[in-house]
Amino acid sequence: MNTQILENRKRRLRYTFVFTVLAVAFFLIAVININTGNVHITVPNILKIIFTGEGEPTEVNILMKIRLPRIIMAAILGGALSLAGFLLQTFFENPIAGPFVLGISSGAKMLVALVMIFFMSTFGSVSSYILIVAAFAGALLSIGFVLLFARRIRNMATLLVAGIMIGYICNAVTDFVVTFAADSDIVNLHNWSKGSFSGMTWNNVAVAGIVVGITFVICFLMAKPIGAYQLGERYAQSMGVNIKRFRVLLILISSLLAATVTAFAGPISFVGIAVPFLIKRFLNSSKPLVVIPAVFVGGAVFCMLCDLIARVAFSPTELNISTVTSIFGAPVVIFMMLRKKRG
């Protein structure tokens, strides 16, 4: 009994430590992000502008129209992408399953590119909601093919390869469409198709915040069924979980999260695989009630850090966000594969 109490206390201390580190990292990276750029804004001025809206006009414009929306968007979309990865890993029971690897991001990218070119050439603009719907449809199209292969292919490694091939096909279609698009449309598509948090507006933040916020709450409420599902389908059924409905909901939520990210920032690689793995390692737990919020905050911190590096590493030239996430995320995935091989 005393051993059990001691173990529970150690577990709580570990959880508290990880969440504290994540919270401190989030705050520090947010402040550094806001304060870094060609125009230096002091912390007192930042607080004054945020809470009162007053300050030097140039600093107010830079902070409120450029830096703050971008930072908040990086946090929202980074959290969404990490959470999507965690849900897909739960669904496929494989730690290497993620939106980018399974071709979900590429499918969303393909349909968004088609819709964006059509609306830009016809109406001159496109709504954020339309982009999310298009990305969601593209994500479902890709995951539909992956699930179709899953019925015939039981080997997870082969299934992942099938997902990668679907991603390549979607990327080829996107490149073909962009090649024959008008010059003005190509300018709009270029940065987005490579992955970037630049050019975000408060309207983008509001739309993404609503979609991701609602999806996160639904996902958090599903923590108990997800925990039961992690212990096997039979156990989940014995706990009253409707497996068919649960699996459909899991796919819809993860696709919507990945689609929202792709609609606004383009395809971003490795975040959905690396962050859930690292968070579960730090927590030493796969318990969804703890992992879900930790994965979301961890994804936010990871993407904010990568966005900061993308902006300042070779300033004034800005790197694509996927370039930076790949540099940090790919070694984690390689380590996972080697570790799994040894296991």
Protein backbone atom coordinates (compact mmCIF):
# COMPACT_ATOMS: atom_id res chain seq x y z
CA MET A 1 0.00 0.00 0.00
CA ASN A 2 2.80 2.40 0.91
CA THR A 3 4.61 1.51 -2.33
CA GLN A 4 1.48 2.34 -4.34
CA ILE A 5 1.11 5.71 -2.58
CA LEU A 6 4.79 6.48 -3.23
CA GLU A 7 4.44 5.57 -6.92
CA ASN A 8 1.37 7.80 -7.29
CA ARG A 9 3.22 10.67 -5.63
CA LYS A 10 6.21 10.24 -7.95
CA ARG A 11 3.88 10.16 -10.94
CA ARG A 12 2.11 13.36 -9.88
CA LEU A 13 5.45 15.09 -9.29
CA ARG A 14 6.62 14.03 -12.74
CA TYR A 15 3.42 15.33 -14.37
CA THR A 16 3.70 18.62 -12.46
CA PHE A 17 7.33 19.04 -13.48
CA VAL A 18 6.65 18.37 -17.19
CA PHE A 19 3.67 20.75 -17.33
CA THR A 20 5.64 23.42 -15.46
CA VAL A 21 8.55 23.13 -17.91
CA LEU A 22 6.14 23.32 -20.86
CA ALA A 23 4.40 26.40 -19.41
CA VAL A 24 7.71 28.20 -18.74
CA ALA A 25 9.04 27.26 -22.20
CA PHE A 26 5.82 28.52 -23.81
CA PHE A 27 6.06 31.88 -22.03
CA LEU A 28 9.79 32.37 -22.72
CA ILE A 29 9.57 31.44 -26.41
CA ALA A 30 6.51 33.66 -26.85
CA VAL A 31 8.35 36.65 -25.35
CA ILE A 32 11.50 35.98 -27.40
CA ASN A 33 9.40 35.58 -30.55
CA ILE A 34 7.60 38.89 -29.98
CA ASN A 35 10.83 40.67 -29.13
CA THR A 36 12.90 39.35 -32.04
CA GLY A 37 13.08 41.07 -35.41
CA ASN A 38 14.38 44.11 -37.23
CA VAL A 39 12.47 46.35 -34.80
CA HIS A 40 13.28 45.68 -31.12
CA ILE A 41 10.33 46.15 -28.73
CA THR A 42 11.02 46.14 -25.01
CA VAL A 43 8.99 43.92 -22.67
CA PRO A 44 7.33 46.89 -20.86
CA ASN A 45 6.26 48.29 -24.24
CA ILE A 46 4.95 44.89 -25.30
CA LEU A 47 2.81 44.63 -22.16
CA LYS A 48 1.61 48.22 -22.57
CA ILE A 49 0.56 47.65 -26.19
CA ILE A 50 -1.18 44.34 -25.43
CA PHE A 51 -3.13 45.52 -22.39
CA THR A 52 -3.81 49.17 -23.27
CA GLY A 53 -3.40 49.30 -27.06
CA GLU A 54 -1.25 52.41 -26.67
CA GLY A 55 2.34 52.96 -27.80
CA GLU A 56 4.50 54.12 -30.65
CA PRO A 57 2.47 53.57 -33.89
CA THR A 58 5.18 51.55 -35.65
CA GLU A 59 5.61 49.22 -32.67
CA VAL A 60 1.82 48.82 -32.30
CA ASN A 61 1.43 47.85 -35.96
CA ILE A 62 4.36 45.43 -35.93
CA LEU A 63 3.20 43.75 -32.72
CA MET A 64 -0.57 43.65 -33.28
CA LYS A 65 -0.70 43.08 -37.04
CA ILE A 66 2.37 40.92 -37.71
CA ARG A 67 4.09 39.27 -34.75
CA LEU A 68 1.28 38.49 -32.30
CA PRO A 69 -1.11 36.85 -34.82
CA ARG A 70 1.78 34.81 -36.19
CA ILE A 71 2.90 33.60 -32.76
CA ILE A 72 -0.62 32.70 -31.62
CA MET A 73 -1.26 30.91 -34.91
CA ALA A 74 1.98 28.92 -34.60
CA ALA A 75 0.89 27.84 -31.11
CA ILE A 76 -2.66 26.86 -32.18
CA LEU A 77 -1.61 24.99 -35.31
CA GLY A 78 1.41 23.35 -33.66
CA GLY A 79 -0.83 22.01 -30.91
CA ALA A 80 -3.41 20.83 -33.45
CA LEU A 81 -0.81 18.98 -35.53
CA SER A 82 0.68 17.22 -32.50
CA LEU A 83 -2.76 16.19 -31.27
CA ALA A 84 -3.65 14.86 -34.74
CA GLY A 85 -0.48 12.77 -34.67
CA PHE A 86 -1.33 11.34 -31.25
CA LEU A 87 -4.84 10.35 -32.41
CA LEU A 88 -3.53 8.71 -35.60
CA GLN A 89 -0.91 6.79 -33.61
CA THR A 90 -3.68 5.56 -31.31
CA PHE A 91 -5.85 4.56 -34.28
CA PHE A 92 -3.12 2.69 -36.18
CA GLU A 93 -1.37 1.48 -33.01
CA ASN A 94 1.94 2.68 -34.43
CA PRO A 95 4.13 5.56 -33.12
CA ILE A 96 5.32 6.45 -36.65
CA ALA A 97 1.81 7.16 -37.98
CA GLY A 98 1.30 10.89 -38.53
CA PRO A 99 -0.55 13.33 -40.83
CA PHE A 100 2.50 13.98 -43.00
CA VAL A 101 3.69 10.37 -43.29
CA LEU A 102 0.22 8.96 -44.07
CA GLY A 103 -0.32 11.49 -46.86
CA ILE A 104 -3.15 13.31 -45.06
CA SER A 105 -1.38 16.68 -45.20
CA SER A 106 -0.57 16.15 -48.89
CA GLY A 107 -4.19 15.34 -49.71
CA ALA A 108 -5.35 18.45 -47.87
CA LYS A 109 -2.67 20.49 -49.65
CA MET A 110 -3.80 19.23 -53.08
CA LEU A 111 -7.46 20.16 -52.64
CA VAL A 112 -6.66 23.53 -51.01
CA ALA A 113 -4.39 24.38 -53.96
CA LEU A 114 -7.16 23.54 -56.44
CA VAL A 115 -9.79 25.52 -54.53
CA MET A 116 -7.43 28.46 -53.93
CA ILE A 117 -6.55 28.77 -57.63
CA PHE A 118 -10.21 28.52 -58.67
CA PHE A 119 -11.47 31.12 -56.17
CA MET A 120 -8.53 33.49 -56.68
CA SER A 121 -8.97 33.47 -60.45
CA THR A 122 -12.78 33.71 -60.30
CA PHE A 123 -13.54 35.89 -57.27
CA GLY A 124 -10.14 37.38 -56.35
CA SER A 125 -10.25 36.04 -52.77
CA VAL A 126 -11.10 32.93 -50.79
CA SER A 127 -12.66 32.49 -47.34
CA SER A 128 -10.82 30.80 -44.46
CA TYR A 129 -13.81 28.51 -43.92
CA ILE A 130 -13.73 27.37 -47.56
CA LEU A 131 -10.03 26.54 -47.25
CA ILE A 132 -10.69 24.46 -44.11
CA VAL A 133 -13.56 22.59 -45.80
CA ALA A 134 -11.36 21.92 -48.86
CA ALA A 135 -8.46 20.76 -46.69
CA PHE A 136 -10.79 18.53 -44.65
CA ALA A 137 -12.16 16.94 -47.83
CA GLY A 138 -8.62 16.37 -49.14
CA ALA A 139 -7.53 14.88 -45.81
CA LEU A 140 -10.51 12.51 -45.78
CA LEU A 141 -9.76 11.52 -49.39
CA SER A 142 -6.19 10.55 -48.47
CA ILE A 143 -7.08 8.77 -45.25
CA GLY A 144 -9.86 6.97 -47.13
CA PHE A 145 -7.30 5.45 -49.49
CA VAL A 146 -5.04 4.55 -46.54
CA LEU A 147 -7.95 2.78 -44.79
CA LEU A 148 -8.80 1.00 -48.04
CA PHE A 149 -5.24 -0.31 -48.19
CA ALA A 150 -5.43 -1.19 -44.50
CA ARG A 151 -8.15 -3.77 -45.26
CA ARG A 152 -5.81 -5.61 -47.60
CA ILE A 153 -2.45 -4.81 -45.96
CA ARG A 154 -1.96 -6.00 -42.38
CA ASN A 155 1.72 -5.11 -42.19
CA MET A 156 2.00 -1.62 -40.70
CA ALA A 157 5.33 -0.83 -42.39
CA THR A 158 3.81 -1.57 -45.81
CA LEU A 159 0.77 0.51 -44.93
CA LEU A 160 2.98 3.48 -44.05
CA VAL A 161 4.76 3.11 -47.38
CA ALA A 162 1.34 3.17 -49.08
CA GLY A 163 0.58 6.41 -47.22
CA ILE A 164 3.86 7.92 -48.39
CA MET A 165 3.04 6.95 -51.99
CA ILE A 166 -0.38 8.60 -51.69
CA GLY A 167 1.40 11.71 -50.44
CA TYR A 168 3.71 11.69 -53.47
CA ILE A 169 0.76 11.36 -55.86
CA CYS A 170 -1.06 14.28 -54.20
CA ASN A 171 2.12 16.41 -54.31
CA ALA A 172 2.56 15.59 -58.02
CA VAL A 173 -1.01 16.72 -58.77
CA THR A 174 -0.44 19.92 -56.75
CA ASP A 175 2.80 20.71 -58.60
CA PHE A 176 1.09 20.06 -61.95
CA VAL A 177 -1.75 22.44 -61.09
CA VAL A 178 0.61 25.16 -59.82
CA THR A 179 2.75 24.87 -62.98
CA PHE A 180 -0.19 25.85 -65.18
CA ALA A 181 -1.71 28.42 -62.79
CA ALA A 182 -1.61 32.18 -63.40
CA ASP A 183 1.45 34.06 -62.09
CA SER A 184 -0.59 35.89 -59.44
CA ASP A 185 -1.96 32.60 -58.10
CA ILE A 186 1.53 31.05 -57.98
CA VAL A 187 2.76 33.93 -55.81
CA ASN A 188 -0.04 33.24 -53.32
CA LEU A 189 0.61 29.50 -53.36
CA HIS A 190 4.41 29.43 -53.23
CA ASN A 191 5.07 30.20 -49.54
CA TRP A 192 1.96 28.38 -48.38
CA SER A 193 2.80 25.16 -50.28
CA LYS A 194 6.22 24.99 -48.57
CA GLY A 195 4.81 25.60 -45.09
CA SER A 196 4.87 28.98 -43.36
CA PHE A 197 3.22 30.90 -40.50
CA SER A 198 3.87 34.27 -42.15
CA GLY A 199 1.03 36.57 -43.22
CA MET A 200 -1.41 35.45 -40.50
CA THR A 201 -4.27 37.79 -39.58
CA TRP A 202 -6.56 38.05 -36.58
CA ASN A 203 -9.37 36.63 -38.74
CA ASN A 204 -7.22 33.54 -39.37
CA VAL A 205 -6.51 33.28 -35.64
CA ALA A 206 -10.21 33.51 -34.78
CA VAL A 207 -11.28 30.84 -37.30
CA ALA A 208 -8.45 28.44 -36.41
CA GLY A 209 -8.98 29.05 -32.69
CA ILE A 210 -12.69 28.17 -32.91
CA VAL A 211 -12.17 25.02 -35.00
CA VAL A 212 -9.18 23.72 -33.03
CA GLY A 213 -10.68 24.75 -29.67
CA ILE A 214 -13.92 22.84 -30.25
CA THR A 215 -12.02 19.83 -31.61
CA PHE A 216 -9.64 19.85 -28.62
CA VAL A 217 -12.56 19.84 -26.15
CA ILE A 218 -14.20 16.91 -27.99
CA CYS A 219 -10.89 15.06 -27.98
CA PHE A 220 -10.36 15.72 -24.26
CA LEU A 221 -13.87 14.42 -23.49
CA MET A 222 -12.91 11.25 -25.38
CA ALA A 223 -9.90 10.64 -23.10
CA LYS A 224 -11.53 7.72 -21.28
CA PRO A 225 -12.56 5.80 -24.47
CA ILE A 226 -9.10 6.49 -25.97
CA GLY A 227 -7.46 5.06 -22.85
CA ALA A 228 -9.64 1.95 -23.08
CA TYR A 229 -8.89 1.59 -26.80
CA GLN A 230 -5.14 1.71 -26.10
CA LEU A 231 -5.58 -1.48 -24.05
CA GLY A 232 -7.17 -3.32 -26.99
CA GLU A 233 -10.48 -3.42 -28.84
CA ARG A 234 -11.91 -6.21 -26.68
CA TYR A 235 -11.18 -4.31 -23.49
CA ALA A 236 -12.71 -1.14 -24.98
CA GLN A 237 -15.86 -3.05 -25.96
CA SER A 238 -16.10 -4.49 -22.45
CA MET A 239 -15.99 -0.89 -21.16
CA GLY A 240 -18.96 0.03 -23.36
CA VAL A 241 -17.08 1.72 -26.22
CA ASN A 242 -18.75 1.48 -29.64
CA ILE A 243 -15.62 0.58 -31.64
CA LYS A 244 -16.94 1.40 -35.13
CA ARG A 245 -18.29 4.80 -34.08
CA PHE A 246 -15.19 5.53 -32.02
CA ARG A 247 -12.80 4.75 -34.90
CA VAL A 248 -14.78 6.94 -37.32
CA LEU A 249 -14.77 9.81 -34.81
CA LEU A 250 -11.03 9.39 -34.25
CA ILE A 251 -10.35 9.65 -38.00
CA LEU A 252 -12.68 12.66 -38.42
CA ILE A 253 -11.10 14.60 -35.53
CA SER A 254 -7.50 13.89 -36.58
CA SER A 255 -8.32 14.77 -40.20
CA LEU A 256 -10.00 18.03 -39.20
CA LEU A 257 -7.01 19.04 -37.04
CA ALA A 258 -4.51 18.22 -39.81
CA ALA A 259 -6.73 19.96 -42.39
CA THR A 260 -6.91 23.17 -40.35
CA VAL A 261 -3.12 23.29 -40.13
CA THR A 262 -2.69 22.68 -43.86
CA ALA A 263 -5.37 25.21 -44.82
CA PHE A 264 -3.58 28.06 -43.05
CA ALA A 265 0.11 27.12 -42.92
CA GLY A 266 0.56 24.48 -45.59
CA PRO A 267 2.02 21.01 -44.97
CA ILE A 268 4.32 20.79 -41.93
CA SER A 269 6.39 17.66 -41.46
CA PHE A 270 7.37 15.47 -38.47
CA VAL A 271 5.63 17.52 -35.74
CA GLY A 272 2.77 14.99 -35.47
CA ILE A 273 5.25 12.14 -34.90
CA ALA A 274 8.10 13.65 -32.90
CA VAL A 275 6.17 15.68 -30.31
CA PRO A 276 3.75 12.92 -29.09
CA PHE A 277 6.72 10.53 -28.76
CA LEU A 278 8.80 13.02 -26.74
CA ILE A 279 5.89 14.02 -24.51
CA LYS A 280 5.02 10.41 -23.69
CA ARG A 281 8.69 9.76 -22.92
CA PHE A 282 8.90 12.78 -20.60
CA LEU A 283 5.65 11.90 -18.85
CA ASN A 284 6.51 8.19 -18.84
CA SER A 285 2.83 7.62 -19.55
CA SER A 286 0.33 7.17 -22.40
CA LYS A 287 -2.67 8.13 -20.25
CA PRO A 288 -4.82 10.31 -22.59
CA LEU A 289 -6.15 12.54 -19.79
CA VAL A 290 -2.57 13.74 -19.20
CA VAL A 291 -1.05 13.24 -22.65
CA ILE A 292 -3.70 15.16 -24.65
CA PRO A 293 -3.12 18.60 -23.03
CA ALA A 294 0.64 17.98 -22.75
CA VAL A 295 0.89 17.03 -26.43
CA PHE A 296 -1.05 20.14 -27.43
CA VAL A 297 1.17 22.50 -25.39
CA GLY A 298 4.29 20.61 -26.50
CA GLY A 299 3.31 21.00 -30.14
CA ALA A 300 2.69 24.71 -29.60
CA VAL A 301 6.14 25.18 -28.01
CA PHE A 302 7.85 23.12 -30.73
CA CYS A 303 6.28 25.06 -33.61
CA MET A 304 6.85 28.44 -31.96
CA LEU A 305 10.54 27.56 -31.49
CA CYS A 306 10.87 26.30 -35.08
CA ASP A 307 9.13 29.44 -36.39
CA LEU A 308 11.56 31.62 -34.42
CA ILE A 309 14.53 29.75 -35.93
CA ALA A 310 12.99 29.97 -39.41
CA ARG A 311 12.70 33.77 -39.03
CA VAL A 312 16.08 34.63 -37.51
CA ALA A 313 18.56 31.90 -38.55
CA PHE A 314 19.36 33.45 -41.93
CA SER A 315 17.62 36.82 -41.58
CA PRO A 316 16.43 38.61 -43.69
CA THR A 317 15.87 35.36 -45.65
CA GLU A 318 13.15 33.28 -44.01
CA LEU A 319 13.28 29.49 -44.04
CA ASN A 320 10.22 27.31 -44.67
CA ILE A 321 8.81 26.03 -41.40
CA SER A 322 8.96 22.40 -42.66
CA THR A 323 12.70 22.76 -43.22
CA VAL A 324 13.24 23.51 -39.52
CA THR A 325 10.72 20.97 -38.19
CA SER A 326 12.39 18.29 -40.34
CA ILE A 327 15.83 19.12 -38.93
CA PHE A 328 14.59 18.61 -35.37
CA GLY A 329 11.85 16.03 -35.99
CA ALA A 330 13.53 13.58 -38.37
CA PRO A 331 16.28 12.52 -35.88
CA VAL A 332 13.55 11.78 -33.32
CA VAL A 333 11.74 9.54 -35.83
CA ILE A 334 15.00 7.74 -36.70
CA PHE A 335 15.64 7.19 -32.98
CA MET A 336 12.09 5.81 -32.60
CA MET A 337 12.63 3.34 -35.45
CA LEU A 338 15.99 2.18 -34.09
CA ARG A 339 14.55 1.83 -30.59
CA LYS A 340 11.59 -0.17 -31.93
CA LYS A 341 13.98 -2.41 -33.91
CA ARG A 342 15.99 -3.14 -30.75
CA GLY A 343 12.77 -3.80 -28.82
